[in-house]
Each structure stands twice: as C-alpha cells, then as structure tokens.
Protein backbone atom coordinates (compact mmCIF):
# COMPACT_ATOMS: atom_id res chain seq x y z
CA MET A 1 7.13 -1.69 -35.37
CA ALA A 2 7.59 -3.50 -32.03
CA LEU A 3 10.94 -2.93 -30.36
CA GLU A 4 13.03 -5.41 -28.44
CA VAL A 5 11.93 -5.96 -24.86
CA ALA A 6 14.26 -6.74 -21.95
CA ARG A 7 14.16 -10.48 -21.30
CA SER A 8 13.35 -10.01 -17.59
CA LEU A 9 10.14 -8.22 -18.62
CA LYS A 10 9.22 -10.31 -21.63
CA GLU A 11 9.44 -13.53 -19.59
CA ILE A 12 7.98 -12.12 -16.39
CA LEU A 13 5.14 -14.66 -16.31
CA ASP A 14 7.79 -17.42 -16.06
CA ASP A 15 9.32 -15.90 -12.92
CA PRO A 16 8.88 -18.43 -10.04
CA ASP A 17 7.29 -15.85 -7.73
CA VAL A 18 4.89 -14.71 -10.44
CA VAL A 19 3.96 -18.33 -11.20
CA GLU A 20 3.17 -18.75 -7.49
CA LEU A 21 1.18 -15.50 -7.34
CA MET A 22 -0.98 -16.43 -10.32
CA ASP A 23 -1.94 -19.86 -8.99
CA ARG A 24 -4.78 -19.34 -6.51
CA SER A 25 -4.41 -22.84 -5.11
CA LYS A 26 -0.86 -22.12 -3.89
CA ASP A 27 0.05 -20.38 -0.64
CA ALA A 28 1.63 -17.23 -2.11
CA GLN A 29 2.61 -15.58 1.17
CA GLY A 30 6.31 -16.10 0.47
CA ALA A 31 6.08 -14.43 -2.95
CA ILE A 32 4.01 -11.57 -1.52
CA SER A 33 6.54 -11.00 1.28
CA ARG A 34 9.45 -11.01 -1.19
CA ALA A 35 7.60 -8.47 -3.36
CA THR A 36 7.23 -6.11 -0.39
CA GLN A 37 11.00 -6.28 0.13
CA MET A 38 11.76 -5.01 -3.40
CA LEU A 39 11.54 -1.37 -2.34
CA GLY A 40 14.86 0.06 -3.54
CA LYS A 41 17.86 1.46 -1.71
CA ASP A 42 17.77 1.86 2.05
CA LEU A 43 19.21 4.89 3.77
CA ALA A 44 22.65 3.32 4.17
CA GLY A 45 23.11 3.26 0.38
CA ARG A 46 22.39 6.96 -0.08
CA ASN A 47 24.53 10.07 -0.06
CA PRO A 48 22.03 12.94 0.18
CA GLY A 49 22.89 16.61 -0.14
CA MET A 50 21.38 20.02 0.48
CA PHE A 51 19.81 22.68 -1.72
CA PRO A 52 20.74 26.37 -1.19
CA ASP A 53 17.33 26.99 0.42
CA GLY A 54 18.13 24.51 3.22
CA ARG A 55 16.04 21.59 1.98
CA THR A 56 17.53 18.14 1.46
CA ASP A 57 17.39 16.17 -1.77
CA LEU A 58 16.76 13.03 0.29
CA PRO A 59 13.16 11.98 -0.49
CA LEU A 60 10.76 11.46 2.39
CA LEU A 61 9.47 8.00 1.42
CA PRO A 62 12.71 5.99 1.97
CA VAL A 63 13.04 7.60 5.42
CA LEU A 64 9.53 6.48 6.34
CA LEU A 65 10.12 2.98 4.94
CA ASP A 66 13.33 2.68 6.95
CA ALA A 67 11.52 3.71 10.13
CA ALA A 68 8.75 1.18 9.44
CA ARG A 69 11.25 -1.63 8.82
CA ARG A 70 12.85 -0.94 12.20
CA GLU A 71 9.52 -0.29 13.96
CA ALA A 72 11.09 2.96 15.15
CA VAL A 73 9.10 4.99 17.67
CA LEU A 74 7.94 8.21 15.98
CA GLY A 75 5.99 11.17 17.32
CA ILE A 76 3.62 13.53 15.51
CA LYS A 77 2.62 16.80 17.12
CA GLU A 78 -0.26 19.09 16.22
CA TYR A 79 -1.43 16.82 13.42
CA GLU A 80 -4.16 18.28 11.21
CA LEU A 81 -6.60 15.57 10.10
CA GLN A 82 -6.99 15.25 6.32
CA ARG A 83 -9.72 12.60 6.08
CA PRO A 84 -13.18 12.47 7.70
CA VAL A 85 -12.93 11.40 11.34
CA THR A 86 -14.16 7.95 12.40
CA ARG A 87 -15.13 7.71 16.07
CA ARG A 88 -15.51 4.34 17.81
CA SER A 89 -17.39 3.71 21.03
CA ASP A 90 -14.64 1.35 22.25
CA GLN A 91 -11.82 3.91 21.98
CA ARG A 92 -10.72 7.12 23.62
CA VAL A 93 -7.73 9.39 23.02
CA ILE A 94 -5.51 10.51 25.89
CA PHE A 95 -3.91 13.50 24.23
CA HIS A 96 -5.04 14.77 20.82
CA GLU A 97 -2.20 17.23 20.21
CA TYR A 98 0.57 14.64 20.30
CA ARG A 99 0.63 11.08 18.98
CA HIS A 100 3.48 8.59 19.22
CA GLY A 101 4.24 4.91 18.81
CA PRO A 102 6.23 2.36 16.82
CA ALA A 103 6.04 2.77 13.03
CA MET A 104 4.25 -0.15 11.39
CA ASN A 105 4.04 0.52 7.65
CA VAL A 106 3.68 3.10 4.91
CA THR A 107 0.28 3.19 3.22
CA SER A 108 -1.22 4.90 0.19
CA HIS A 109 -4.77 5.84 -0.73
CA GLU A 110 -6.66 3.56 -3.11
CA LYS A 111 -7.26 6.36 -5.65
CA THR A 112 -4.46 8.88 -5.15
CA PRO A 113 -0.70 9.01 -4.47
CA SER A 114 -1.15 10.22 -0.90
CA PHE A 115 1.11 8.53 1.65
CA SER A 116 0.62 7.97 5.36
CA ILE A 117 2.83 6.58 8.08
CA GLY A 118 1.06 3.90 10.08
CA ILE A 119 1.94 3.80 13.76
CA MET A 120 0.69 1.94 16.81
CA ASP A 121 -0.74 5.08 18.40
CA MET A 122 0.05 4.90 22.12
CA GLU A 123 -2.21 7.88 22.82
CA THR A 124 -5.28 5.77 21.99
CA ILE A 125 -6.94 3.54 24.60
CA GLN A 126 -8.81 0.50 23.27
CA ARG A 127 -11.49 -1.13 25.43
CA THR A 128 -11.46 -4.95 25.23
CA PRO A 129 -13.21 -7.77 27.14
CA ASP A 130 -9.99 -8.15 29.19
CA GLY A 131 -9.88 -4.48 30.09
CA GLU A 132 -8.38 -1.40 28.51
CA ILE A 133 -5.17 -1.65 26.48
CA ILE A 134 -2.92 1.11 25.25
CA GLY A 135 -2.29 1.39 21.53
CA TYR A 136 -4.25 1.17 18.28
CA PRO A 137 -3.03 1.24 14.64
CA LYS A 138 -3.60 4.63 12.99
CA ASN A 139 -2.41 6.29 9.79
CA TYR A 140 -1.11 9.86 9.63
CA MET A 141 -0.99 11.44 6.17
CA VAL A 142 2.25 13.21 5.25
CA VAL A 143 1.91 13.37 1.43
CA GLY A 144 -1.28 14.81 -0.04
CA ASP A 145 -3.58 13.58 -2.79
CA GLU A 146 -1.61 15.33 -5.53
CA GLY A 147 1.73 14.08 -4.27
CA GLU A 148 2.53 17.25 -2.34
CA LEU A 149 4.37 17.26 0.98
CA LEU A 150 2.01 18.26 3.80
CA PRO A 151 2.92 20.52 6.74
CA SER A 152 2.59 17.45 8.98
CA VAL A 153 6.04 16.32 7.72
CA ASP A 154 7.61 19.14 9.73
CA ASN A 155 5.75 17.93 12.84
CA ILE A 156 7.28 14.44 12.86
CA ILE A 157 9.52 13.77 15.87
CA TRP A 158 12.09 11.31 14.55
CA ASP A 159 13.65 8.45 16.50
CA PRO A 160 17.30 8.67 17.68
CA GLU A 161 18.69 6.45 14.89
CA THR A 162 17.06 8.54 12.14
CA LEU A 163 18.26 11.76 13.80
CA ARG A 164 21.78 10.33 13.96
CA TYR A 165 21.63 9.61 10.24
CA PHE A 166 20.45 13.17 9.52
CA ARG A 167 23.30 14.64 11.60
CA ASP A 168 25.95 12.35 10.09
CA LYS A 169 24.86 13.39 6.58
CA GLY A 170 24.77 17.10 7.48
CA LEU A 171 21.03 17.43 6.79
CA MET A 172 20.00 19.13 10.04
CA GLN A 173 19.45 22.88 10.06
CA ASN A 174 18.19 24.66 13.17
CA GLY A 175 17.46 21.29 14.72
CA THR A 176 15.19 20.06 11.92
CA VAL A 177 15.22 18.53 8.44
CA ARG A 178 13.28 20.01 5.53
CA PHE A 179 12.37 17.71 2.67
CA ALA A 180 12.00 18.80 -0.96
CA TYR A 181 10.53 15.67 -2.52
CA PRO A 182 8.23 12.84 -1.46
CA VAL A 183 9.84 10.30 -3.84
CA ASP A 184 13.03 9.81 -5.88
CA MET A 185 13.19 11.43 -9.31
CA GLN A 186 15.06 8.31 -10.55
CA LEU A 187 12.09 6.18 -9.44
CA ALA A 188 10.21 7.33 -12.54
CA MET A 189 12.10 4.87 -14.75
CA SER A 190 11.17 2.02 -12.40
CA ILE A 191 7.79 1.89 -14.13
CA TYR A 192 9.62 0.01 -16.89
CA GLY A 193 11.29 -2.43 -14.49
CA LYS A 194 10.48 -5.97 -13.44
CA PRO A 195 10.18 -5.19 -9.68
CA TYR A 196 7.33 -2.73 -10.38
CA PHE A 197 5.45 -5.30 -12.47
CA VAL A 198 5.94 -7.98 -9.81
CA ARG A 199 4.61 -5.65 -7.11
CA LYS A 200 1.55 -4.84 -9.23
CA ILE A 201 0.86 -8.57 -9.68
CA ALA A 202 1.45 -9.25 -5.97
CA GLY A 203 -0.82 -6.34 -5.04
CA ARG A 204 -3.58 -7.73 -7.23
CA ARG A 205 -3.19 -11.18 -5.66
CA ALA A 206 -3.25 -9.73 -2.14
CA LYS A 207 -6.40 -7.73 -2.89
CA GLU A 208 -8.22 -10.63 -4.52
CA GLU A 209 -7.25 -13.16 -1.86
CA ALA A 210 -8.21 -10.73 0.93
CA ALA A 211 -11.66 -10.46 -0.68
CA PHE A 212 -11.89 -14.28 -0.70
CA HIS A 213 -11.10 -14.44 3.02
CA THR A 214 -13.61 -11.66 3.77
CA ALA A 215 -16.33 -13.56 1.91
CA THR A 216 -15.38 -16.77 3.71
CA LYS A 217 -15.48 -15.06 7.11
CA ASN A 218 -18.87 -13.51 6.43
CA ARG A 219 -20.27 -16.76 5.08
CA ILE A 220 -19.27 -18.69 8.21
CA MET A 221 -20.37 -15.98 10.65
CA ASP A 222 -23.75 -15.83 8.90
CA MET A 223 -24.14 -19.44 10.11
CA ASN A 224 -23.81 -18.08 13.69
CA ILE A 225 -20.40 -19.74 14.01
CA VAL A 226 -17.99 -17.91 16.34
CA LEU A 227 -14.55 -18.79 17.63
CA PRO A 228 -14.49 -20.68 20.97
CA GLU A 229 -11.80 -18.32 22.31
CA TRP A 230 -14.08 -15.31 21.82
CA THR A 231 -15.95 -13.93 24.81
CA GLU A 232 -19.52 -12.70 24.48
CA GLU A 233 -18.21 -9.12 24.56
CA GLU A 234 -15.94 -9.78 21.57
CA THR A 235 -18.87 -10.76 19.39
CA LYS A 236 -20.44 -7.31 19.85
CA LYS A 237 -19.58 -4.61 17.31
CA PRO A 238 -18.73 -1.12 18.59
CA ASP A 239 -20.73 1.91 17.52
CA ILE A 240 -18.88 3.67 14.72
CA LYS A 241 -19.67 7.23 13.66
CA LYS A 242 -18.15 8.83 10.57
CA GLU A 243 -18.02 12.51 9.75
CA LYS A 244 -19.74 13.64 6.58
CA PRO A 245 -16.94 14.12 4.04
CA ALA A 246 -16.22 16.94 1.65
CA LYS A 247 -15.12 16.12 -1.89
CA ARG A 248 -11.88 17.08 -3.58
CA LYS A 249 -11.06 16.52 -7.23
CA VAL A 250 -7.44 15.88 -8.15
CA THR A 251 -5.61 14.70 -11.27
CA VAL A 252 -3.73 11.44 -10.82
CA LEU A 253 -1.80 8.96 -12.92
CA GLN A 254 -3.83 5.75 -13.12
CA ALA A 255 -1.90 2.62 -13.99
CA SER A 256 -3.55 -0.72 -14.74
CA LEU A 257 -1.62 -3.91 -15.45
CA GLU A 258 -3.25 -6.36 -17.87
CA ILE A 259 -2.00 -9.94 -17.55
CA SER A 260 -3.27 -13.45 -18.12
CA PRO A 261 -6.03 -14.39 -15.66
CA PHE A 262 -5.13 -16.03 -12.35
CA GLN A 263 -5.48 -19.79 -12.51
CA LYS A 264 -7.37 -22.38 -10.41
CA GLU A 265 -9.34 -21.58 -7.22
CA TYR A 266 -8.50 -20.68 -3.63
CA VAL A 267 -8.57 -23.49 -1.08
CA TYR A 268 -9.98 -23.35 2.45
CA ARG A 269 -7.34 -23.72 5.17
CA GLY A 270 -8.04 -24.52 8.80
CA GLU A 271 -5.89 -23.00 11.54
CA ASP A 272 -5.56 -23.90 15.21
CA ILE A 273 -5.40 -21.40 18.05
CA ASN A 274 -1.57 -21.34 17.80
CA GLY A 275 -1.64 -20.28 14.16
CA ARG A 276 -0.71 -23.68 12.68
CA ILE A 277 -2.40 -24.85 9.47
CA VAL A 278 -4.09 -28.16 10.32
CA PHE A 279 -5.87 -28.94 7.06
CA GLU A 280 -6.77 -27.59 3.64
CA THR A 281 -9.70 -28.51 1.43
CA PRO A 282 -11.17 -27.29 -1.87
CA TYR A 283 -14.62 -27.11 -0.28
CA LEU A 284 -15.99 -25.39 2.81
CA PRO A 285 -16.23 -28.08 5.52
CA TYR A 286 -19.41 -28.97 7.44
CA GLY A 287 -18.31 -29.65 11.01
CA ILE A 288 -18.45 -26.80 13.51
CA GLU A 289 -14.84 -27.25 14.70
CA ASP A 290 -13.59 -27.34 11.12
CA LEU A 291 -15.61 -24.23 10.27
CA GLN A 292 -14.13 -22.48 13.30
CA ALA A 293 -10.63 -23.40 12.11
CA VAL A 294 -11.36 -21.96 8.65
CA LEU A 295 -12.88 -18.82 10.23
CA ARG A 296 -9.77 -18.33 12.38
CA HIS A 297 -7.52 -18.54 9.32
CA ALA A 298 -9.77 -16.27 7.23
CA ILE A 299 -9.75 -13.53 9.89
CA ARG A 300 -5.97 -13.59 10.21
CA MET A 301 -5.30 -13.65 6.48
CA GLU A 302 -7.84 -10.94 5.70
CA SER A 303 -6.05 -8.60 8.11
CA ARG A 304 -2.57 -9.56 6.93
CA LEU A 305 -3.32 -9.18 3.23
CA ARG A 306 -5.54 -6.10 3.34
CA TYR A 307 -3.98 -3.98 6.07
CA LYS A 308 -0.34 -5.08 6.11
CA LYS A 309 1.01 -6.59 2.90
CA GLY A 310 -1.59 -5.11 0.57
CA THR A 311 -1.15 -1.53 1.73
CA THR A 312 2.65 -1.80 1.56
CA LEU A 313 2.52 -3.15 -2.00
CA ARG A 314 0.11 -0.41 -3.06
CA ALA A 315 2.33 2.28 -1.53
CA ALA A 316 5.40 0.90 -3.33
CA ALA A 317 3.57 0.92 -6.69
CA ARG A 318 2.08 4.37 -6.01
CA ALA A 319 5.57 5.78 -5.35
CA VAL A 320 6.70 4.69 -8.82
CA GLU A 321 3.54 6.07 -10.42
CA LEU A 322 3.88 9.41 -8.62
CA ALA A 323 7.51 9.68 -9.74
CA PHE A 324 6.49 8.88 -13.33
CA LYS A 325 3.73 11.51 -13.20
CA GLN A 326 6.16 14.14 -11.94
CA TYR A 327 9.32 13.18 -13.86
CA GLY A 328 8.29 10.75 -16.62
CA GLY A 329 8.23 13.27 -19.48
CA VAL A 330 11.13 14.49 -21.60
CA ASN A 331 10.63 17.98 -20.16
CA GLY A 332 9.68 16.95 -16.61
CA PRO A 333 6.09 15.90 -15.90
CA PHE A 334 4.55 12.99 -17.82
CA VAL A 335 2.82 14.08 -21.02
CA PRO A 336 1.30 11.43 -23.32
CA GLY A 337 3.46 11.26 -26.45
CA GLU A 338 6.47 12.86 -24.71
CA GLU A 339 7.54 10.03 -22.38
CA ARG A 340 11.06 9.40 -21.13
CA TYR A 341 12.49 5.91 -21.63
CA PRO A 342 15.06 3.92 -19.65
CA ALA A 343 18.47 2.65 -20.76
CA TRP A 344 17.23 -0.95 -21.16
CA PRO A 345 15.10 -2.06 -24.14
CA VAL A 346 11.37 -1.49 -23.76
CA PRO A 347 8.57 -0.96 -26.31
CA ARG A 348 7.18 2.50 -27.04
CA TRP A 349 3.94 3.77 -25.58
CA GLU A 350 0.90 3.59 -27.87
CA LYS A 351 -2.57 5.11 -27.56
CA GLU A 352 -5.46 2.68 -27.26
CA LEU A 353 -9.10 2.59 -26.17
CA TYR A 354 -9.25 0.69 -22.91
CA SER A 355 -11.43 -0.03 -19.89
CA PRO A 356 -9.70 -1.38 -16.73
CA ASP A 357 -12.92 -3.21 -15.83
CA PRO A 358 -13.35 -6.01 -18.39
CA GLY A 359 -17.06 -6.17 -17.57
CA VAL A 360 -17.59 -2.54 -18.62
CA MET A 361 -16.98 -1.91 -22.31
CA ASN A 362 -18.51 1.56 -22.28
CA PRO A 363 -17.49 4.17 -21.56
CA ARG A 364 -13.95 3.51 -22.69
CA ASN A 365 -11.22 6.11 -22.86
CA TYR A 366 -7.87 6.49 -24.50
CA TRP A 367 -5.00 5.21 -22.37
CA ASN A 368 -1.29 4.90 -23.01
CA ARG A 369 -0.36 1.25 -23.56
CA LEU A 370 3.04 -0.33 -23.02
CA LYS A 371 2.79 -3.77 -24.60
CA ILE A 372 5.36 -6.12 -23.06
CA SER A 373 4.14 -9.37 -24.63
CA GLU A 374 0.96 -10.99 -25.89
CA HIS A 375 -0.08 -11.57 -22.27
CA VAL A 376 1.32 -8.53 -20.42
CA ALA A 377 0.63 -4.83 -20.99
CA LEU A 378 0.67 -1.72 -18.81
CA PHE A 379 -1.98 0.95 -19.35
CA CYS A 380 -1.77 4.42 -17.83
CA ARG A 381 -3.46 7.80 -18.17
CA LEU A 382 -3.87 11.13 -16.42
CA THR A 383 -7.42 11.48 -15.13
CA PRO A 384 -9.38 13.44 -12.50
CA VAL A 385 -10.68 11.51 -9.49
CA SER A 386 -12.84 12.56 -6.55
CA VAL A 387 -11.69 11.72 -3.00
CA ASP A 388 -13.18 12.21 0.45
CA VAL A 389 -11.49 14.87 2.58
CA ARG A 390 -12.37 16.40 5.91
CA ASN A 391 -14.79 19.29 6.09
CA LYS A 392 -12.83 22.26 7.49
C-alpha cells in the first residue's frame, strides 16, 4: 500500500524552478544556478571533531566546495595521475611535481563517484594567437572510483583561510589534516529530499541543453562560418594525443530519475561580442552575421553548461549517491530490501524491471524504485561499471 509522501516531493513538478527547467523554450540559467547553490552546510555551520587515530570527522567534500566558492589558491604536490594522460601541442608544463592555482569547481566522473578539484593550473603554459598565457583548467582527482580517499588528499597545500579554519577547530596535527570521509554520513538521507531531486532535474537539463548547443555549433561551423573576432590561428585545432587506457571495474550505485518529458523546443539565441543577447528565434537564421551571433552564444553556453554548471550539479548528486551507497542501509552500506528511511514521509522502495534508456527495452534489470507520484520516480541499483584508468 502506498504511503504518504512529503508535499514538497509530491508536488515537485509544480516548483517554479522545476517548471522553468522542464520548459526548453525558457532560459533556465537562473534555475540551474540556484540548483548549484543547494549544496548543504558551509564550513561556518560545522563543528568538526577528531577521532582517536588523529583523523577528523569533517568530510573532504565541503572543504573543497568552500575553496571553490572562494576561488582559493590551492597547491598539489607530487600528484599521481589516475586517468590516461592527454597531451596537447599548444601546451607545456613548467613544473610537473607541483601544481597550483585558484580553485574553480568540484567535478565527478560520469560513471563513478570519484571527485576532483578543478583548478586554473598556473604551471601550464597555453599557446594562443596573442602569445603564451599562463594557466589552464585542470582536474586533480582526490576521491577514487569506489569513493575512497586517495593519497593525493594529503598532498594538497591549503590556502591561508582554510588553514586558519583547521587551526581554529583544532584539526591540525603535525602541521597537517587527515580526513576520514569523503562525504557526510548524514548526506545519505538527502536522497529522499527535494534538493537532490531538483539537482537531478537541473543536471539533466544542463546536459541536454549543452548537447543542443554543441549540435548548433557544429552545424554552423560545417557551413564554414567562423567568428569575425577569431584569427586564422584560432581556427586551427591543436594536435591531441591520448594515452591508451587500462580498464578498471568497480561497483557503483546508479541512480536514474524518471520524470515527465521536457516540454517544447530550444530556441536559437544570438549574442554580440559583449555577451548581450540580441535576438532569439525558433529557427536557425540564414544571414551570416546572425549565424555568427548564434555560434557565439552556442560556444559560450556549451562551455558553461557542460564544464561549469553541469559538472557541479553532477558532483552534488554523486555525493548524495555515494553517501547512500555507504550509509543508506539499516546496518551501514546500502542493501536492497534493507534501506534506511528519513524522518519525513516517503514511500517504500520496491523492486521493478527497468531500463534507464527508454529506447532499449532489453536487456532490463531489476532496480529499486521509489515512486513519488504518477510522474516522478527514482530508480537505483548496485552495478559493476568499467572505467578508464592510467596504465601504471
């Protein structure tokens, strides 16, 4: 028999931000930005302690998120690469053994609950048509594919404000801080909360809209249309060489949110060189200047949605899913049929055959289903996945 569901969940599709996210014709950047801000307590609202072995019960993820919010300058020494190396002909590294730069965001892998801190790496030189510039965005993994803390955490050189926080809370021992957990144990129950559902919806919108802008960009550039502000050098692609990867199989918690389909269609927006929207139209325009304006907007939005907002939303959702995998069962780890439940009313998990790709009916597997309403359900399961790692 269906149980009562918290009103905030049952009526989630009526939430103004969700209404905006599900309407493709609307500019949903405000709703996406608000979803990225729903990331839980900051450091100021915490009172961490210490375990007898000298580790702190303060999770790593909120510390990284705080550093990224402030764009704090972090250093990483003797970093051991986890993924296959990508080498670009238009880049060179000054010093491999030490990287530093302002924190930009926290990212997570598409398949696994690994987490990386993204920094503007000031040890990388980028060659451009205007000469060489210092700095290039790079991700440094600190939580592994199974949610384990990596040794690279101990090699982070924290900024003065973070160090002051550690000292004020009595977390420093022998000049360093040792973490015990990547994420909050209490975060496990957030899988039943409205903010998690909103972030999943916002993440889906960001991914889908980024794909629309990528297709638009490619379609226009296939017409040999380039931006007037580009130099000839900027139209040339650098040589990119990727290492051959090794494969690693890990067990992860997959979570798929089923909701009503997004409505309407995306519109084409034109943007001037100063970033102002100058027109929008339901159809791709014909004139060269109008096509250039649409191309300019598509390039900016593709980058913003895929590499900034999208990765942050995915990391926030992955943190909840990792916590639920580790602490979502009555005896600790999540076990289907032995789930923990929150204090607020939610339905019980049920087992159901399901495929997250509606176009693929077979093979289907049994997933756990949390039915919120006729139009909203969360499916999750433990499953092995294969990921690329570096050959060592």
